[in-house]
């Protein structure tokens, strides 16, 4: 029973995070060079801007939830 629960929890975590692992960073890199465009910005500031779907090029970000955007931003800022 515990093993099934552990497998279920692991699968759920992967399913939630999977979209952020599928190369969605490339969507941002079509327009941005993180080391230049986000220099001096915190992850929270980048998230606020990325979440602003009134910016035409950020409209596609509406498909992501906040955790997915955070994962994408963390990956890009780490590079």
PDB file of N, CA and C in Angstrom:
ATOM      1  N   UNK A   1       0.817  -1.198   0.000  1.00  0.00           N
ATOM      2  CA  UNK A   1       0.000   0.000   0.000  1.00  0.00           C
ATOM      3  C   UNK A   1       0.865   1.269   0.000  1.00  0.00           C
ATOM      4  N   UNK A   2       1.900   1.281   0.837  1.00  0.00           N
ATOM      5  CA  UNK A   2       2.775   2.458   0.891  1.00  0.00           C
ATOM      6  C   UNK A   2       3.495   2.663  -0.438  1.00  0.00           C
ATOM      7  N   UNK A   3       3.875   1.556  -1.046  1.00  0.00           N
ATOM      8  CA  UNK A   3       4.578   1.659  -2.322  1.00  0.00           C
ATOM      9  C   UNK A   3       3.664   2.266  -3.387  1.00  0.00           C
ATOM     10  N   UNK A   4       2.409   1.834  -3.415  1.00  0.00           N
ATOM     11  CA  UNK A   4       1.458   2.378  -4.378  1.00  0.00           C
ATOM     12  C   UNK A   4       1.246   3.867  -4.145  1.00  0.00           C
ATOM     13  N   UNK A   5       1.168   4.260  -2.876  1.00  0.00           N
ATOM     14  CA  UNK A   5       0.996   5.673  -2.552  1.00  0.00           C
ATOM     15  C   UNK A   5       2.215   6.474  -3.004  1.00  0.00           C
ATOM     16  N   UNK A   6       3.402   5.939  -2.757  1.00  0.00           N
ATOM     17  CA  UNK A   6       4.630   6.626  -3.168  1.00  0.00           C
ATOM     18  C   UNK A   6       4.689   6.771  -4.686  1.00  0.00           C
ATOM     19  N   UNK A   7       4.295   5.729  -5.392  1.00  0.00           N
ATOM     20  CA  UNK A   7       4.290   5.781  -6.860  1.00  0.00           C
ATOM     21  C   UNK A   7       3.276   6.809  -7.348  1.00  0.00           C
ATOM     22  N   UNK A   8       2.105   6.826  -6.729  1.00  0.00           N
ATOM     23  CA  UNK A   8       1.069   7.784  -7.112  1.00  0.00           C
ATOM     24  C   UNK A   8       1.524   9.222  -6.869  1.00  0.00           C
ATOM     25  N   UNK A   9       2.137   9.472  -5.719  1.00  0.00           N
ATOM     26  CA  UNK A   9       2.624  10.820  -5.403  1.00  0.00           C
ATOM     27  C   UNK A   9       3.719  11.223  -6.387  1.00  0.00           C
ATOM     28  N   UNK A  10       4.639  10.315  -6.671  1.00  0.00           N
ATOM     29  CA  UNK A  10       5.720  10.615  -7.617  1.00  0.00           C
ATOM     30  C   UNK A  10       5.180  10.909  -9.009  1.00  0.00           C
ATOM     31  N   UNK A  11       4.235  10.100  -9.450  1.00  0.00           N
ATOM     32  CA  UNK A  11       3.650  10.305 -10.776  1.00  0.00           C
ATOM     33  C   UNK A  11       2.914  11.633 -10.857  1.00  0.00           C
ATOM     34  N   UNK A  12       2.218  11.987  -9.791  1.00  0.00           N
ATOM     35  CA  UNK A  12       1.502  13.261  -9.761  1.00  0.00           C
ATOM     36  C   UNK A  12       2.473  14.429  -9.833  1.00  0.00           C
ATOM     37  N   UNK A  13       3.549  14.354  -9.063  1.00  0.00           N
ATOM     38  CA  UNK A  13       4.551  15.430  -9.084  1.00  0.00           C
ATOM     39  C   UNK A  13       5.166  15.580 -10.469  1.00  0.00           C
ATOM     40  N   UNK A  14       5.475  14.469 -11.094  1.00  0.00           N
ATOM     41  CA  UNK A  14       6.049  14.528 -12.441  1.00  0.00           C
ATOM     42  C   UNK A  14       5.054  15.071 -13.452  1.00  0.00           C
ATOM     43  N   UNK A  15       3.809  14.696 -13.323  1.00  0.00           N
ATOM     44  CA  UNK A  15       2.791  15.174 -14.263  1.00  0.00           C
ATOM     45  C   UNK A  15       2.594  16.673 -14.150  1.00  0.00           C
ATOM     46  N   UNK A  16       2.667  17.188 -12.937  1.00  0.00           N
ATOM     47  CA  UNK A  16       2.496  18.624 -12.729  1.00  0.00           C
ATOM     48  C   UNK A  16       3.704  19.386 -13.254  1.00  0.00           C
ATOM     49  N   UNK A  17       4.892  18.844 -13.034  1.00  0.00           N
ATOM     50  CA  UNK A  17       6.111  19.539 -13.437  1.00  0.00           C
ATOM     51  C   UNK A  17       6.511  19.253 -14.877  1.00  0.00           C
ATOM     52  N   UNK A  18       5.984  18.227 -15.479  1.00  0.00           N
ATOM     53  CA  UNK A  18       6.409  17.810 -16.816  1.00  0.00           C
ATOM     54  C   UNK A  18       6.375  18.913 -17.858  1.00  0.00           C
ATOM     55  N   UNK A  19       5.339  19.751 -17.915  1.00  0.00           N
ATOM     56  CA  UNK A  19       5.356  20.792 -18.941  1.00  0.00           C
ATOM     57  C   UNK A  19       6.564  21.714 -18.845  1.00  0.00           C
ATOM     58  N   UNK A  20       7.069  21.924 -17.655  1.00  0.00           N
ATOM     59  CA  UNK A  20       8.233  22.788 -17.500  1.00  0.00           C
ATOM     60  C   UNK A  20       9.506  22.092 -17.954  1.00  0.00           C
ATOM     61  N   UNK A  21       9.478  20.771 -18.072  1.00  0.00           N
ATOM     62  CA  UNK A  21      10.650  20.028 -18.501  1.00  0.00           C
ATOM     63  C   UNK A  21      10.656  19.769 -19.999  1.00  0.00           C
ATOM     64  N   UNK A  22       9.618  20.161 -20.675  1.00  0.00           N
ATOM     65  CA  UNK A  22       9.475  19.765 -22.073  1.00  0.00           C
ATOM     66  C   UNK A  22      10.046  20.770 -23.064  1.00  0.00           C
ATOM     67  N   UNK A  23      10.962  21.607 -22.633  1.00  0.00           N
ATOM     68  CA  UNK A  23      11.578  22.550 -23.542  1.00  0.00           C
ATOM     69  C   UNK A  23      10.832  23.856 -23.690  1.00  0.00           C
ATOM     70  N   UNK A  24       9.942  24.144 -22.751  1.00  0.00           N
ATOM     71  CA  UNK A  24       9.181  25.385 -22.823  1.00  0.00           C
ATOM     72  C   UNK A  24      10.065  26.617 -22.641  1.00  0.00           C
ATOM     73  N   UNK A  25      11.281  26.400 -22.145  1.00  0.00           N
ATOM     74  CA  UNK A  25      12.221  27.509 -22.011  1.00  0.00           C
ATOM     75  C   UNK A  25      12.488  28.148 -23.367  1.00  0.00           C
ATOM     76  N   UNK A  26      12.427  27.335 -24.412  1.00  0.00           N
ATOM     77  CA  UNK A  26      12.679  27.832 -25.766  1.00  0.00           C
ATOM     78  C   UNK A  26      11.681  28.909 -26.166  1.00  0.00           C
ATOM     79  N   UNK A  27      10.481  28.830 -25.626  1.00  0.00           N
ATOM     80  CA  UNK A  27       9.469  29.852 -25.903  1.00  0.00           C
ATOM     81  C   UNK A  27       9.985  31.222 -25.464  1.00  0.00           C
ATOM     82  N   UNK A  28      10.631  31.274 -24.300  1.00  0.00           N
ATOM     83  CA  UNK A  28      11.186  32.535 -23.795  1.00  0.00           C
ATOM     84  C   UNK A  28      12.413  32.954 -24.607  1.00  0.00           C
ATOM     85  N   UNK A  29      13.210  31.955 -24.969  1.00  0.00           N
ATOM     86  CA  UNK A  29      14.464  32.254 -25.659  1.00  0.00           C
ATOM     87  C   UNK A  29      14.260  32.698 -27.099  1.00  0.00           C
ATOM     88  N   UNK A  30      13.036  32.565 -27.612  1.00  0.00           N
ATOM     89  CA  UNK A  30      12.746  33.092 -28.943  1.00  0.00           C
ATOM     90  C   UNK A  30      12.934  34.604 -28.972  1.00  0.00           C
ATOM     91  N   UNK A  31      12.693  35.263 -27.833  1.00  0.00           N
ATOM     92  CA  UNK A  31      12.772  36.725 -27.773  1.00  0.00           C
ATOM     93  C   UNK A  31      13.809  37.243 -26.781  1.00  0.00           C
ATOM     94  N   UNK A  32      14.084  36.472 -25.748  1.00  0.00           N
ATOM     95  CA  UNK A  32      14.910  36.968 -24.647  1.00  0.00           C
ATOM     96  C   UNK A  32      16.296  36.346 -24.616  1.00  0.00           C
ATOM     97  N   UNK A  33      17.251  37.145 -24.157  1.00  0.00           N
ATOM     98  CA  UNK A  33      18.569  36.672 -23.759  1.00  0.00           C
ATOM     99  C   UNK A  33      18.620  36.951 -22.259  1.00  0.00           C
ATOM    100  N   UNK A  34      18.386  35.914 -21.429  1.00  0.00           N
ATOM    101  CA  UNK A  34      18.241  36.146 -19.992  1.00  0.00           C
ATOM    102  C   UNK A  34      19.373  36.949 -19.359  1.00  0.00           C
ATOM    103  N   UNK A  35      20.605  36.678 -19.740  1.00  0.00           N
ATOM    104  CA  UNK A  35      21.724  37.387 -19.120  1.00  0.00           C
ATOM    105  C   UNK A  35      21.708  38.880 -19.430  1.00  0.00           C
ATOM    106  N   UNK A  36      21.048  39.260 -20.513  1.00  0.00           N
ATOM    107  CA  UNK A  36      20.949  40.676 -20.866  1.00  0.00           C
ATOM    108  C   UNK A  36      19.610  41.272 -20.438  1.00  0.00           C
ATOM    109  N   UNK A  37      18.526  40.599 -20.798  1.00  0.00           N
ATOM    110  CA  UNK A  37      17.189  41.154 -20.572  1.00  0.00           C
ATOM    111  C   UNK A  37      16.775  41.158 -19.110  1.00  0.00           C
ATOM    112  N   UNK A  38      17.252  40.185 -18.341  1.00  0.00           N
ATOM    113  CA  UNK A  38      16.806  40.062 -16.952  1.00  0.00           C
ATOM    114  C   UNK A  38      17.904  40.418 -15.961  1.00  0.00           C
ATOM    115  N   UNK A  39      18.967  41.046 -16.445  1.00  0.00           N
ATOM    116  CA  UNK A  39      20.075  41.415 -15.564  1.00  0.00           C
ATOM    117  C   UNK A  39      19.571  42.326 -14.449  1.00  0.00           C
ATOM    118  N   UNK A  40      19.903  41.979 -13.222  1.00  0.00           N
ATOM    119  CA  UNK A  40      19.505  42.780 -12.073  1.00  0.00           C
ATOM    120  C   UNK A  40      18.079  42.540 -11.602  1.00  0.00           C
ATOM    121  N   UNK A  41      17.344  41.684 -12.296  1.00  0.00           N
ATOM    122  CA  UNK A  41      15.962  41.391 -11.903  1.00  0.00           C
ATOM    123  C   UNK A  41      15.929  40.143 -11.026  1.00  0.00           C
ATOM    124  N   UNK A  42      15.047  40.154 -10.043  1.00  0.00           N
ATOM    125  CA  UNK A  42      14.846  38.965  -9.219  1.00  0.00           C
ATOM    126  C   UNK A  42      13.942  37.994  -9.971  1.00  0.00           C
ATOM    127  N   UNK A  43      13.909  36.762  -9.510  1.00  0.00           N
ATOM    128  CA  UNK A  43      13.022  35.764 -10.118  1.00  0.00           C
ATOM    129  C   UNK A  43      11.569  36.207 -10.004  1.00  0.00           C
ATOM    130  N   UNK A  44      11.225  36.871  -8.905  1.00  0.00           N
ATOM    131  CA  UNK A  44       9.855  37.353  -8.715  1.00  0.00           C
ATOM    132  C   UNK A  44       9.497  38.427  -9.736  1.00  0.00           C
ATOM    133  N   UNK A  45      10.450  39.296 -10.050  1.00  0.00           N
ATOM    134  CA  UNK A  45      10.207  40.343 -11.052  1.00  0.00           C
ATOM    135  C   UNK A  45      10.045  39.739 -12.450  1.00  0.00           C
ATOM    136  N   UNK A  46      10.863  38.752 -12.756  1.00  0.00           N
ATOM    137  CA  UNK A  46      10.751  38.080 -14.051  1.00  0.00           C
ATOM    138  C   UNK A  46       9.406  37.365 -14.132  1.00  0.00           C
ATOM    139  N   UNK A  47       9.007  36.712 -13.036  1.00  0.00           N
ATOM    140  CA  UNK A  47       7.719  36.015 -13.000  1.00  0.00           C
ATOM    141  C   UNK A  47       6.566  36.987 -13.206  1.00  0.00           C
ATOM    142  N   UNK A  48       6.624  38.134 -12.560  1.00  0.00           N
ATOM    143  CA  UNK A  48       5.549  39.123 -12.710  1.00  0.00           C
ATOM    144  C   UNK A  48       5.425  39.573 -14.161  1.00  0.00           C
ATOM    145  N   UNK A  49       6.549  39.800 -14.809  1.00  0.00           N
ATOM    146  CA  UNK A  49       6.526  40.221 -16.209  1.00  0.00           C
ATOM    147  C   UNK A  49       6.051  39.086 -17.113  1.00  0.00           C
ATOM    148  N   UNK A  50       6.542  37.876 -16.854  1.00  0.00           N
ATOM    149  CA  UNK A  50       6.147  36.724 -17.676  1.00  0.00           C
ATOM    150  C   UNK A  50       4.662  36.416 -17.524  1.00  0.00           C
ATOM    151  N   UNK A  51       4.116  36.709 -16.361  1.00  0.00           N
ATOM    152  CA  UNK A  51       2.695  36.435 -16.096  1.00  0.00           C
ATOM    153  C   UNK A  51       1.774  37.491 -16.683  1.00  0.00           C
ATOM    154  N   UNK A  52       2.337  38.609 -17.114  1.00  0.00           N
ATOM    155  CA  UNK A  52       1.540  39.712 -17.654  1.00  0.00           C
ATOM    156  C   UNK A  52       1.137  39.396 -19.093  1.00  0.00           C
ATOM    157  N   UNK A  53      -0.023  38.790 -19.246  1.00  0.00           N
ATOM    158  CA  UNK A  53      -0.464  38.368 -20.578  1.00  0.00           C
ATOM    159  C   UNK A  53      -0.976  39.525 -21.430  1.00  0.00           C
ATOM    160  N   UNK A  54      -0.989  40.735 -20.872  1.00  0.00           N
ATOM    161  CA  UNK A  54      -1.325  41.889 -21.709  1.00  0.00           C
ATOM    162  C   UNK A  54      -0.162  42.227 -22.644  1.00  0.00           C
ATOM    163  N   UNK A  55       1.022  41.707 -22.323  1.00  0.00           N
ATOM    164  CA  UNK A  55       2.168  41.823 -23.222  1.00  0.00           C
ATOM    165  C   UNK A  55       1.954  40.772 -24.313  1.00  0.00           C
ATOM    166  N   UNK A  56       1.839  41.227 -25.541  1.00  0.00           N
ATOM    167  CA  UNK A  56       1.440  40.351 -26.651  1.00  0.00           C
ATOM    168  C   UNK A  56       2.255  39.060 -26.707  1.00  0.00           C
ATOM    169  N   UNK A  57       3.548  39.163 -26.582  1.00  0.00           N
ATOM    170  CA  UNK A  57       4.394  37.973 -26.698  1.00  0.00           C
ATOM    171  C   UNK A  57       4.302  37.062 -25.481  1.00  0.00           C
ATOM    172  N   UNK A  58       3.705  37.542 -24.403  1.00  0.00           N
ATOM    173  CA  UNK A  58       3.545  36.719 -23.205  1.00  0.00           C
ATOM    174  C   UNK A  58       2.171  36.064 -23.138  1.00  0.00           C
ATOM    175  N   UNK A  59       1.342  36.269 -24.135  1.00  0.00           N
ATOM    176  CA  UNK A  59      -0.014  35.701 -24.130  1.00  0.00           C
ATOM    177  C   UNK A  59       0.009  34.179 -24.020  1.00  0.00           C
ATOM    178  N   UNK A  60       0.989  33.533 -24.642  1.00  0.00           N
ATOM    179  CA  UNK A  60       1.087  32.070 -24.570  1.00  0.00           C
ATOM    180  C   UNK A  60       1.380  31.578 -23.158  1.00  0.00           C
ATOM    181  N   UNK A  61       1.916  32.443 -22.314  1.00  0.00           N
ATOM    182  CA  UNK A  61       2.226  32.043 -20.942  1.00  0.00           C
ATOM    183  C   UNK A  61       0.972  31.766 -20.125  1.00  0.00           C
ATOM    184  N   UNK A  62      -0.179  32.166 -20.620  1.00  0.00           N
ATOM    185  CA  UNK A  62      -1.436  31.881 -19.928  1.00  0.00           C
ATOM    186  C   UNK A  62      -1.687  30.376 -19.857  1.00  0.00           C
ATOM    187  N   UNK A  63      -1.026  29.613 -20.720  1.00  0.00           N
ATOM    188  CA  UNK A  63      -1.174  28.156 -20.712  1.00  0.00           C
ATOM    189  C   UNK A  63      -0.453  27.504 -19.535  1.00  0.00           C
ATOM    190  N   UNK A  64       0.426  28.250 -18.865  1.00  0.00           N
ATOM    191  CA  UNK A  64       1.202  27.713 -17.753  1.00  0.00           C
ATOM    192  C   UNK A  64       0.622  28.176 -16.425  1.00  0.00           C
ATOM    193  N   UNK A  65       0.694  27.304 -15.414  1.00  0.00           N
ATOM    194  CA  UNK A  65       0.324  27.761 -14.076  1.00  0.00           C
ATOM    195  C   UNK A  65       1.553  28.416 -13.442  1.00  0.00           C
ATOM    196  N   UNK A  66       1.380  29.002 -12.274  1.00  0.00           N
ATOM    197  CA  UNK A  66       2.472  29.751 -11.645  1.00  0.00           C
ATOM    198  C   UNK A  66       3.681  28.865 -11.363  1.00  0.00           C
ATOM    199  N   UNK A  67       3.450  27.636 -10.907  1.00  0.00           N
ATOM    200  CA  UNK A  67       4.566  26.737 -10.608  1.00  0.00           C
ATOM    201  C   UNK A  67       5.349  26.374 -11.865  1.00  0.00           C
ATOM    202  N   UNK A  68       4.655  26.202 -12.968  1.00  0.00           N
ATOM    203  CA  UNK A  68       5.336  25.898 -14.224  1.00  0.00           C
ATOM    204  C   UNK A  68       6.186  27.080 -14.680  1.00  0.00           C
ATOM    205  N   UNK A  69       5.634  28.289 -14.587  1.00  0.00           N
ATOM    206  CA  UNK A  69       6.418  29.475 -14.956  1.00  0.00           C
ATOM    207  C   UNK A  69       7.628  29.632 -14.045  1.00  0.00           C
ATOM    208  N   UNK A  70       7.445  29.385 -12.748  1.00  0.00           N
ATOM    209  CA  UNK A  70       8.572  29.475 -11.813  1.00  0.00           C
ATOM    210  C   UNK A  70       9.671  28.488 -12.197  1.00  0.00           C
ATOM    211  N   UNK A  71       9.292  27.272 -12.578  1.00  0.00           N
ATOM    212  CA  UNK A  71      10.279  26.265 -12.970  1.00  0.00           C
ATOM    213  C   UNK A  71      11.014  26.678 -14.240  1.00  0.00           C
ATOM    214  N   UNK A  72      10.289  27.214 -15.201  1.00  0.00           N
ATOM    215  CA  UNK A  72      10.905  27.677 -16.446  1.00  0.00           C
ATOM    216  C   UNK A  72      11.887  28.808 -16.156  1.00  0.00           C
ATOM    217  N   UNK A  73      11.458  29.767 -15.352  1.00  0.00           N
ATOM    218  CA  UNK A  73      12.307  30.917 -15.026  1.00  0.00           C
ATOM    219  C   UNK A  73      13.535  30.476 -14.248  1.00  0.00           C
ATOM    220  N   UNK A  74      13.358  29.571 -13.289  1.00  0.00           N
ATOM    221  CA  UNK A  74      14.500  29.074 -12.513  1.00  0.00           C
ATOM    222  C   UNK A  74      15.519  28.402 -13.419  1.00  0.00           C
ATOM    223  N   UNK A  75      15.044  27.634 -14.384  1.00  0.00           N
ATOM    224  CA  UNK A  75      15.941  26.967 -15.330  1.00  0.00           C
ATOM    225  C   UNK A  75      16.710  27.991 -16.156  1.00  0.00           C
ATOM    226  N   UNK A  76      16.017  28.996 -16.642  1.00  0.00           N
ATOM    227  CA  UNK A  76      16.666  30.008 -17.481  1.00  0.00           C
ATOM    228  C   UNK A  76      17.637  30.871 -16.684  1.00  0.00           C
ATOM    229  N   UNK A  77      17.293  31.213 -15.459  1.00  0.00           N
ATOM    230  CA  UNK A  77      18.185  32.038 -14.648  1.00  0.00           C
ATOM    231  C   UNK A  77      19.427  31.267 -14.212  1.00  0.00           C
ATOM    232  N   UNK A  78      19.314  29.948 -14.128  1.00  0.00           N
ATOM    233  CA  UNK A  78      20.452  29.124 -13.719  1.00  0.00           C
ATOM    234  C   UNK A  78      21.467  28.945 -14.842  1.00  0.00           C
ATOM    235  N   UNK A  79      21.037  29.161 -16.077  1.00  0.00           N
ATOM    236  CA  UNK A  79      21.932  28.945 -17.225  1.00  0.00           C
ATOM    237  C   UNK A  79      22.923  30.064 -17.386  1.00  0.00           C
TER     238      UNK A  79
END
